[in-house]
PDB file of N, CA and C in Angstrom:
ATOM      1  N   MET A   1       0.788  -1.117  -0.099  1.00  0.00           N
ATOM      2  CA  MET A   1       0.027  -0.026   0.147  1.00  0.00           C
ATOM      3  C   MET A   1       0.761   1.277  -0.116  1.00  0.00           C
ATOM      4  N   ALA A   2       2.037   1.057   0.773  1.00  0.00           N
ATOM      5  CA  ALA A   2       2.723   2.468   0.707  1.00  0.00           C
ATOM      6  C   ALA A   2       3.628   2.613  -0.486  1.00  0.00           C
ATOM      7  N   VAL A   3       3.785   1.556  -1.301  1.00  0.00           N
ATOM      8  CA  VAL A   3       4.302   1.604  -2.780  1.00  0.00           C
ATOM      9  C   VAL A   3       3.518   2.434  -3.512  1.00  0.00           C
ATOM     10  N   VAL A   4       2.472   2.031  -3.559  1.00  0.00           N
ATOM     11  CA  VAL A   4       1.166   2.606  -4.248  1.00  0.00           C
ATOM     12  C   VAL A   4       1.159   4.043  -4.174  1.00  0.00           C
ATOM     13  N   ALA A   5       1.164   4.693  -2.812  1.00  0.00           N
ATOM     14  CA  ALA A   5       1.228   5.826  -2.587  1.00  0.00           C
ATOM     15  C   ALA A   5       2.241   6.455  -2.891  1.00  0.00           C
ATOM     16  N   ASP A   6       3.699   5.823  -2.792  1.00  0.00           N
ATOM     17  CA  ASP A   6       4.756   6.511  -3.390  1.00  0.00           C
ATOM     18  C   ASP A   6       4.776   6.718  -4.662  1.00  0.00           C
ATOM     19  N   ILE A   7       3.998   5.752  -5.778  1.00  0.00           N
ATOM     20  CA  ILE A   7       4.300   5.929  -6.970  1.00  0.00           C
ATOM     21  C   ILE A   7       3.347   7.172  -7.278  1.00  0.00           C
ATOM     22  N   MET A   8       2.099   7.155  -6.514  1.00  0.00           N
ATOM     23  CA  MET A   8       1.024   8.436  -6.977  1.00  0.00           C
ATOM     24  C   MET A   8       1.902   9.511  -6.783  1.00  0.00           C
ATOM     25  N   ALA A   9       2.549   9.715  -5.676  1.00  0.00           N
ATOM     26  CA  ALA A   9       3.153  11.002  -5.275  1.00  0.00           C
ATOM     27  C   ALA A   9       4.380  11.101  -6.191  1.00  0.00           C
ATOM     28  N   LEU A  10       5.118  10.077  -6.704  1.00  0.00           N
ATOM     29  CA  LEU A  10       6.131  10.306  -7.578  1.00  0.00           C
ATOM     30  C   LEU A  10       5.482  10.955  -8.894  1.00  0.00           C
ATOM     31  N   VAL A  11       4.177  10.526  -9.279  1.00  0.00           N
ATOM     32  CA  VAL A  11       3.801  11.054 -10.558  1.00  0.00           C
ATOM     33  C   VAL A  11       3.404  12.745 -10.294  1.00  0.00           C
ATOM     34  N   LEU A  12       2.980  12.794  -9.258  1.00  0.00           N
ATOM     35  CA  LEU A  12       2.387  14.323  -9.087  1.00  0.00           C
ATOM     36  C   LEU A  12       3.789  15.228  -8.861  1.00  0.00           C
ATOM     37  N   GLY A  13       4.580  14.486  -7.995  1.00  0.00           N
ATOM     38  CA  GLY A  13       5.889  15.300  -8.139  1.00  0.00           C
ATOM     39  C   GLY A  13       6.758  15.362  -9.513  1.00  0.00           C
ATOM     40  N   LEU A  14       6.394  14.588 -10.446  1.00  0.00           N
ATOM     41  CA  LEU A  14       7.202  14.531 -11.622  1.00  0.00           C
ATOM     42  C   LEU A  14       6.482  15.725 -12.572  1.00  0.00           C
ATOM     43  N   TRP A  15       4.864  15.686 -12.483  1.00  0.00           N
ATOM     44  CA  TRP A  15       4.184  16.604 -13.208  1.00  0.00           C
ATOM     45  C   TRP A  15       4.671  18.215 -12.485  1.00  0.00           C
ATOM     46  N   ILE A  16       4.629  18.251 -11.331  1.00  0.00           N
ATOM     47  CA  ILE A  16       4.983  19.654 -10.854  1.00  0.00           C
ATOM     48  C   ILE A  16       6.455  19.869 -11.417  1.00  0.00           C
ATOM     49  N   LEU A  17       7.549  19.041 -11.459  1.00  0.00           N
ATOM     50  CA  LEU A  17       8.853  19.359 -11.807  1.00  0.00           C
ATOM     51  C   LEU A  17       8.955  19.646 -13.401  1.00  0.00           C
ATOM     52  N   MET A  18       7.789  18.656 -14.396  1.00  0.00           N
ATOM     53  CA  MET A  18       8.007  18.987 -15.702  1.00  0.00           C
ATOM     54  C   MET A  18       7.106  20.282 -15.735  1.00  0.00           C
ATOM     55  N   TYR A  19       6.166  20.871 -15.277  1.00  0.00           N
ATOM     56  CA  TYR A  19       5.662  22.222 -15.317  1.00  0.00           C
ATOM     57  C   TYR A  19       6.303  23.429 -14.885  1.00  0.00           C
ATOM     58  N   LEU A  20       6.977  22.885 -13.860  1.00  0.00           N
ATOM     59  CA  LEU A  20       8.226  24.496 -13.366  1.00  0.00           C
ATOM     60  C   LEU A  20       9.369  24.398 -14.518  1.00  0.00           C
ATOM     61  N   LEU A  21       9.784  23.416 -14.931  1.00  0.00           N
ATOM     62  CA  LEU A  21      10.515  23.504 -16.252  1.00  0.00           C
ATOM     63  C   LEU A  21      10.287  23.334 -17.481  1.00  0.00           C
ATOM     64  N   ASP A  22       8.622  23.872 -17.918  1.00  0.00           N
ATOM     65  CA  ASP A  22       8.173  23.977 -18.911  1.00  0.00           C
ATOM     66  C   ASP A  22       8.415  22.995 -20.172  1.00  0.00           C
ATOM     67  N   ALA A  23       7.926  21.513 -19.473  1.00  0.00           N
ATOM     68  CA  ALA A  23       8.220  20.821 -20.439  1.00  0.00           C
ATOM     69  C   ALA A  23       7.219  20.758 -21.661  1.00  0.00           C
ATOM     70  N   ASN A  24       7.762  20.039 -22.578  1.00  0.00           N
ATOM     71  CA  ASN A  24       6.944  20.232 -24.118  1.00  0.00           C
ATOM     72  C   ASN A  24       5.774  19.278 -23.962  1.00  0.00           C
ATOM     73  N   ARG A  25       4.642  19.933 -23.782  1.00  0.00           N
ATOM     74  CA  ARG A  25       3.241  19.135 -23.393  1.00  0.00           C
ATOM     75  C   ARG A  25       2.942  18.386 -24.889  1.00  0.00           C
ATOM     76  N   ALA A  26       3.857  18.755 -26.016  1.00  0.00           N
ATOM     77  CA  ALA A  26       3.295  17.973 -27.282  1.00  0.00           C
ATOM     78  C   ALA A  26       3.960  16.474 -27.103  1.00  0.00           C
ATOM     79  N   ASN A  27       5.155  16.199 -26.166  1.00  0.00           N
ATOM     80  CA  ASN A  27       5.500  15.090 -25.984  1.00  0.00           C
ATOM     81  C   ASN A  27       4.561  13.905 -25.514  1.00  0.00           C
ATOM     82  N   ASP A  28       4.453  13.149 -25.836  1.00  0.00           N
ATOM     83  CA  ASP A  28       3.592  11.764 -25.339  1.00  0.00           C
ATOM     84  C   ASP A  28       3.928  11.702 -23.886  1.00  0.00           C
ATOM     85  N   PHE A  29       5.152  11.573 -23.391  1.00  0.00           N
ATOM     86  CA  PHE A  29       5.505  11.268 -22.118  1.00  0.00           C
ATOM     87  C   PHE A  29       4.839  12.179 -20.929  1.00  0.00           C
ATOM     88  N   VAL A  30       5.335  13.516 -21.415  1.00  0.00           N
ATOM     89  CA  VAL A  30       4.853  14.483 -20.661  1.00  0.00           C
ATOM     90  C   VAL A  30       3.133  14.544 -20.763  1.00  0.00           C
ATOM     91  N   ARG A  31       2.800  14.269 -21.846  1.00  0.00           N
ATOM     92  CA  ARG A  31       1.011  14.150 -21.659  1.00  0.00           C
ATOM     93  C   ARG A  31       0.501  13.157 -20.944  1.00  0.00           C
ATOM     94  N   PHE A  32       1.308  11.954 -20.611  1.00  0.00           N
ATOM     95  CA  PHE A  32       0.876  10.946 -19.966  1.00  0.00           C
ATOM     96  C   PHE A  32       0.952  11.412 -18.612  1.00  0.00           C
ATOM     97  N   VAL A  33       2.174  12.068 -17.971  1.00  0.00           N
ATOM     98  CA  VAL A  33       2.245  12.274 -16.838  1.00  0.00           C
ATOM     99  C   VAL A  33       1.198  13.344 -16.635  1.00  0.00           C
ATOM    100  N   HIS A  34       1.020  14.341 -17.207  1.00  0.00           N
ATOM    101  CA  HIS A  34       0.006  15.154 -17.032  1.00  0.00           C
ATOM    102  C   HIS A  34      -1.138  14.912 -16.925  1.00  0.00           C
ATOM    103  N   ASP A  35      -1.741  13.972 -17.905  1.00  0.00           N
ATOM    104  CA  ASP A  35      -3.005  13.199 -17.707  1.00  0.00           C
ATOM    105  C   ASP A  35      -3.398  12.396 -16.411  1.00  0.00           C
ATOM    106  N   ALA A  36      -2.161  11.634 -16.029  1.00  0.00           N
ATOM    107  CA  ALA A  36      -2.351  10.688 -14.875  1.00  0.00           C
ATOM    108  C   ALA A  36      -2.294  11.870 -13.329  1.00  0.00           C
ATOM    109  N   ALA A  37      -1.466  12.656 -13.555  1.00  0.00           N
ATOM    110  CA  ALA A  37      -1.450  13.737 -12.379  1.00  0.00           C
ATOM    111  C   ALA A  37      -2.867  14.601 -12.263  1.00  0.00           C
ATOM    112  N   ARG A  38      -3.124  14.884 -13.368  1.00  0.00           N
ATOM    113  CA  ARG A  38      -4.496  15.624 -13.333  1.00  0.00           C
ATOM    114  C   ARG A  38      -5.746  14.644 -12.580  1.00  0.00           C
ATOM    115  N   TRP A  39      -5.774  13.149 -13.122  1.00  0.00           N
ATOM    116  CA  TRP A  39      -6.637  12.493 -12.433  1.00  0.00           C
ATOM    117  C   TRP A  39      -6.645  12.242 -11.292  1.00  0.00           C
ATOM    118  N   LEU A  40      -5.332  12.304 -10.563  1.00  0.00           N
ATOM    119  CA  LEU A  40      -4.793  11.685  -9.330  1.00  0.00           C
ATOM    120  C   LEU A  40      -5.079  12.864  -8.150  1.00  0.00           C
ATOM    121  N   ALA A  41      -5.151  14.418  -8.943  1.00  0.00           N
ATOM    122  CA  ALA A  41      -5.274  15.593  -8.121  1.00  0.00           C
ATOM    123  C   ALA A  41      -6.443  16.066  -8.427  1.00  0.00           C
ATOM    124  N   GLY A  42      -7.785  15.323  -9.103  1.00  0.00           N
ATOM    125  CA  GLY A  42      -8.804  15.819  -9.766  1.00  0.00           C
ATOM    126  C   GLY A  42      -9.489  16.526  -8.475  1.00  0.00           C
ATOM    127  N   TRP A  43      -9.337  15.792  -7.120  1.00  0.00           N
ATOM    128  CA  TRP A  43     -10.485  16.445  -5.982  1.00  0.00           C
ATOM    129  C   TRP A  43      -9.651  17.942  -5.386  1.00  0.00           C
ATOM    130  N   SER A  44      -8.325  17.957  -5.723  1.00  0.00           N
ATOM    131  CA  SER A  44      -7.862  19.061  -5.430  1.00  0.00           C
ATOM    132  C   SER A  44      -7.362  20.321  -6.426  1.00  0.00           C
ATOM    133  N   TYR A  45      -8.299  19.852  -7.513  1.00  0.00           N
ATOM    134  CA  TYR A  45      -7.963  20.741  -8.707  1.00  0.00           C
ATOM    135  C   TYR A  45      -8.799  21.987  -8.312  1.00  0.00           C
ATOM    136  N   ASP A  46      -8.236  23.417  -8.752  1.00  0.00           N
ATOM    137  CA  ASP A  46      -8.845  24.598  -8.292  1.00  0.00           C
ATOM    138  C   ASP A  46      -9.386  24.786  -7.057  1.00  0.00           C
ATOM    139  N   LEU A  47      -8.571  24.322  -6.196  1.00  0.00           N
ATOM    140  CA  LEU A  47      -8.896  24.376  -4.677  1.00  0.00           C
ATOM    141  C   LEU A  47      -8.193  25.755  -4.429  1.00  0.00           C
ATOM    142  N   PHE A  48      -7.222  26.240  -4.977  1.00  0.00           N
ATOM    143  CA  PHE A  48      -6.555  27.452  -4.581  1.00  0.00           C
ATOM    144  C   PHE A  48      -6.643  28.633  -5.682  1.00  0.00           C
ATOM    145  N   THR A  49      -6.509  29.622  -5.370  1.00  0.00           N
ATOM    146  CA  THR A  49      -6.763  30.956  -6.158  1.00  0.00           C
ATOM    147  C   THR A  49      -5.582  31.700  -6.354  1.00  0.00           C
ATOM    148  N   PHE A  50      -4.308  31.307  -6.276  1.00  0.00           N
ATOM    149  CA  PHE A  50      -3.126  32.034  -6.294  1.00  0.00           C
ATOM    150  C   PHE A  50      -3.218  32.816  -7.779  1.00  0.00           C
ATOM    151  N   ASP A  51      -2.699  34.027  -8.213  1.00  0.00           N
ATOM    152  CA  ASP A  51      -2.641  34.540  -9.214  1.00  0.00           C
ATOM    153  C   ASP A  51      -1.859  33.933 -10.279  1.00  0.00           C
ATOM    154  N   ALA A  52      -0.702  33.545  -9.790  1.00  0.00           N
ATOM    155  CA  ALA A  52       0.648  32.981 -10.485  1.00  0.00           C
ATOM    156  C   ALA A  52      -0.057  31.439 -10.705  1.00  0.00           C
ATOM    157  N   ALA A  53       0.110  30.988 -11.966  1.00  0.00           N
ATOM    158  CA  ALA A  53      -0.344  29.526 -12.248  1.00  0.00           C
ATOM    159  C   ALA A  53       0.899  28.550 -11.713  1.00  0.00           C
ATOM    160  N   TRP A  54       1.877  28.943 -11.628  1.00  0.00           N
ATOM    161  CA  TRP A  54       2.929  27.872 -11.174  1.00  0.00           C
ATOM    162  C   TRP A  54       2.460  27.664  -9.471  1.00  0.00           C
ATOM    163  N   ALA A  55       2.393  28.715  -8.898  1.00  0.00           N
ATOM    164  CA  ALA A  55       1.775  28.446  -7.477  1.00  0.00           C
ATOM    165  C   ALA A  55       0.638  27.419  -7.326  1.00  0.00           C
ATOM    166  N   ARG A  56      -0.242  27.710  -8.093  1.00  0.00           N
ATOM    167  CA  ARG A  56      -1.364  26.897  -8.452  1.00  0.00           C
ATOM    168  C   ARG A  56      -0.774  25.229  -8.429  1.00  0.00           C
ATOM    169  N   VAL A  57      -0.313  25.332  -9.355  1.00  0.00           N
ATOM    170  CA  VAL A  57       0.139  23.801  -9.795  1.00  0.00           C
ATOM    171  C   VAL A  57       0.855  23.188  -8.353  1.00  0.00           C
ATOM    172  N   VAL A  58       1.691  23.993  -8.016  1.00  0.00           N
ATOM    173  CA  VAL A  58       2.819  23.282  -6.781  1.00  0.00           C
ATOM    174  C   VAL A  58       1.791  23.225  -5.751  1.00  0.00           C
ATOM    175  N   ALA A  59       0.822  24.178  -5.414  1.00  0.00           N
ATOM    176  CA  ALA A  59      -0.263  23.969  -4.085  1.00  0.00           C
ATOM    177  C   ALA A  59      -0.999  22.746  -4.416  1.00  0.00           C
ATOM    178  N   GLU A  60      -1.692  22.554  -5.656  1.00  0.00           N
ATOM    179  CA  GLU A  60      -2.592  21.691  -5.897  1.00  0.00           C
ATOM    180  C   GLU A  60      -2.122  20.253  -6.186  1.00  0.00           C
ATOM    181  N   TYR A  61      -1.122  20.188  -6.831  1.00  0.00           N
ATOM    182  CA  TYR A  61      -0.579  18.849  -7.183  1.00  0.00           C
ATOM    183  C   TYR A  61       0.260  18.181  -5.952  1.00  0.00           C
ATOM    184  N   GLY A  62       1.053  19.497  -5.243  1.00  0.00           N
ATOM    185  CA  GLY A  62       1.617  18.986  -3.891  1.00  0.00           C
ATOM    186  C   GLY A  62       0.869  18.487  -2.797  1.00  0.00           C
ATOM    187  N   LEU A  63      -0.404  19.141  -2.538  1.00  0.00           N
ATOM    188  CA  LEU A  63      -1.217  18.961  -1.586  1.00  0.00           C
ATOM    189  C   LEU A  63      -1.599  17.318  -1.977  1.00  0.00           C
ATOM    190  N   ALA A  64      -2.027  16.976  -2.926  1.00  0.00           N
ATOM    191  CA  ALA A  64      -2.340  15.685  -3.615  1.00  0.00           C
ATOM    192  C   ALA A  64      -1.147  14.780  -3.066  1.00  0.00           C
ATOM    193  N   ALA A  65      -0.201  14.962  -3.536  1.00  0.00           N
ATOM    194  CA  ALA A  65       0.958  14.226  -3.406  1.00  0.00           C
ATOM    195  C   ALA A  65       1.027  13.917  -1.773  1.00  0.00           C
ATOM    196  N   VAL A  66       1.326  15.021  -1.046  1.00  0.00           N
ATOM    197  CA  VAL A  66       1.183  14.788   0.651  1.00  0.00           C
ATOM    198  C   VAL A  66       0.313  14.107   1.041  1.00  0.00           C
ATOM    199  N   VAL A  67      -1.061  14.281   0.623  1.00  0.00           N
ATOM    200  CA  VAL A  67      -2.088  13.609   1.123  1.00  0.00           C
ATOM    201  C   VAL A  67      -1.911  11.914   1.021  1.00  0.00           C
ATOM    202  N   TYR A  68      -1.696  11.787  -0.497  1.00  0.00           N
ATOM    203  CA  TYR A  68      -1.316  10.506  -0.788  1.00  0.00           C
ATOM    204  C   TYR A  68      -0.336   9.886   0.123  1.00  0.00           C
ATOM    205  N   LEU A  69       0.661  10.267   0.110  1.00  0.00           N
ATOM    206  CA  LEU A  69       1.794   9.683   0.811  1.00  0.00           C
ATOM    207  C   LEU A  69       1.288   9.733   2.366  1.00  0.00           C
ATOM    208  N   PHE A  70       0.523  10.476   3.286  1.00  0.00           N
ATOM    209  CA  PHE A  70       0.342  10.546   4.370  1.00  0.00           C
ATOM    210  C   PHE A  70      -0.821   9.623   4.745  1.00  0.00           C
ATOM    211  N   VAL A  71      -1.830   9.494   3.856  1.00  0.00           N
ATOM    212  CA  VAL A  71      -2.808   8.515   4.039  1.00  0.00           C
ATOM    213  C   VAL A  71      -2.162   6.924   3.757  1.00  0.00           C
ATOM    214  N   GLY A  72      -1.530   6.863   2.525  1.00  0.00           N
ATOM    215  CA  GLY A  72      -1.067   5.465   2.145  1.00  0.00           C
ATOM    216  C   GLY A  72      -0.151   4.899   3.083  1.00  0.00           C
ATOM    217  N   HIS A  73       0.635   5.664   3.782  1.00  0.00           N
ATOM    218  CA  HIS A  73       1.506   5.172   4.722  1.00  0.00           C
ATOM    219  C   HIS A  73       0.981   5.099   6.013  1.00  0.00           C
ATOM    220  N   ALA A  74       0.222   5.668   6.310  1.00  0.00           N
ATOM    221  CA  ALA A  74      -0.546   5.398   7.816  1.00  0.00           C
ATOM    222  C   ALA A  74      -1.692   4.373   7.343  1.00  0.00           C
ATOM    223  N   LEU A  75      -2.373   3.942   6.444  1.00  0.00           N
ATOM    224  CA  LEU A  75      -2.786   2.780   6.087  1.00  0.00           C
ATOM    225  C   LEU A  75      -1.822   1.635   6.135  1.00  0.00           C
ATOM    226  N   ALA A  76      -0.859   1.628   5.542  1.00  0.00           N
ATOM    227  CA  ALA A  76       0.084   0.499   5.422  1.00  0.00           C
ATOM    228  C   ALA A  76       0.763   0.245   6.865  1.00  0.00           C
ATOM    229  N   HIS A  77       0.921   1.168   7.475  1.00  0.00           N
ATOM    230  CA  HIS A  77       1.426   0.983   8.806  1.00  0.00           C
ATOM    231  C   HIS A  77       0.376   0.194   9.593  1.00  0.00           C
ATOM    232  N   ARG A  78      -0.745   0.756   9.793  1.00  0.00           N
ATOM    233  CA  ARG A  78      -1.826   0.290  10.340  1.00  0.00           C
ATOM    234  C   ARG A  78      -2.275  -1.457   9.748  1.00  0.00           C
ATOM    235  N   VAL A  79      -2.405  -1.539   8.779  1.00  0.00           N
ATOM    236  CA  VAL A  79      -2.145  -2.885   8.151  1.00  0.00           C
ATOM    237  C   VAL A  79      -1.116  -3.836   8.686  1.00  0.00           C
ATOM    238  N   HIS A  80       0.069  -3.334   8.262  1.00  0.00           N
ATOM    239  CA  HIS A  80       1.232  -4.162   9.144  1.00  0.00           C
ATOM    240  C   HIS A  80       1.251  -4.221  10.242  1.00  0.00           C
ATOM    241  N   ARG A  81       0.600  -3.594  11.291  1.00  0.00           N
ATOM    242  CA  ARG A  81       0.520  -3.718  12.724  1.00  0.00           C
ATOM    243  C   ARG A  81      -0.395  -4.930  13.117  1.00  0.00           C
ATOM    244  N   HIS A  82      -1.569  -5.152  12.333  1.00  0.00           N
ATOM    245  CA  HIS A  82      -2.483  -6.075  12.520  1.00  0.00           C
ATOM    246  C   HIS A  82      -2.065  -7.559  11.748  1.00  0.00           C
TER     247      HIS A  82
END
């Protein structure tokens, strides 16, 4: 369970990095990462209203990554204990 949470957070972090580095969105891999990250962070999309687009991306996708890490590792720890 923790591995799944780590992979989800990795995808979200990778999208944040690609966005900040202005990755070519016409590239298939960049498009795949963006689509996956958008799906994973769908619940946190448009949650913040920063004027700067980069700040919204970091906050929205970063929040989703932190939540997945926290919840995934907490559940994995709880399952492992029982």
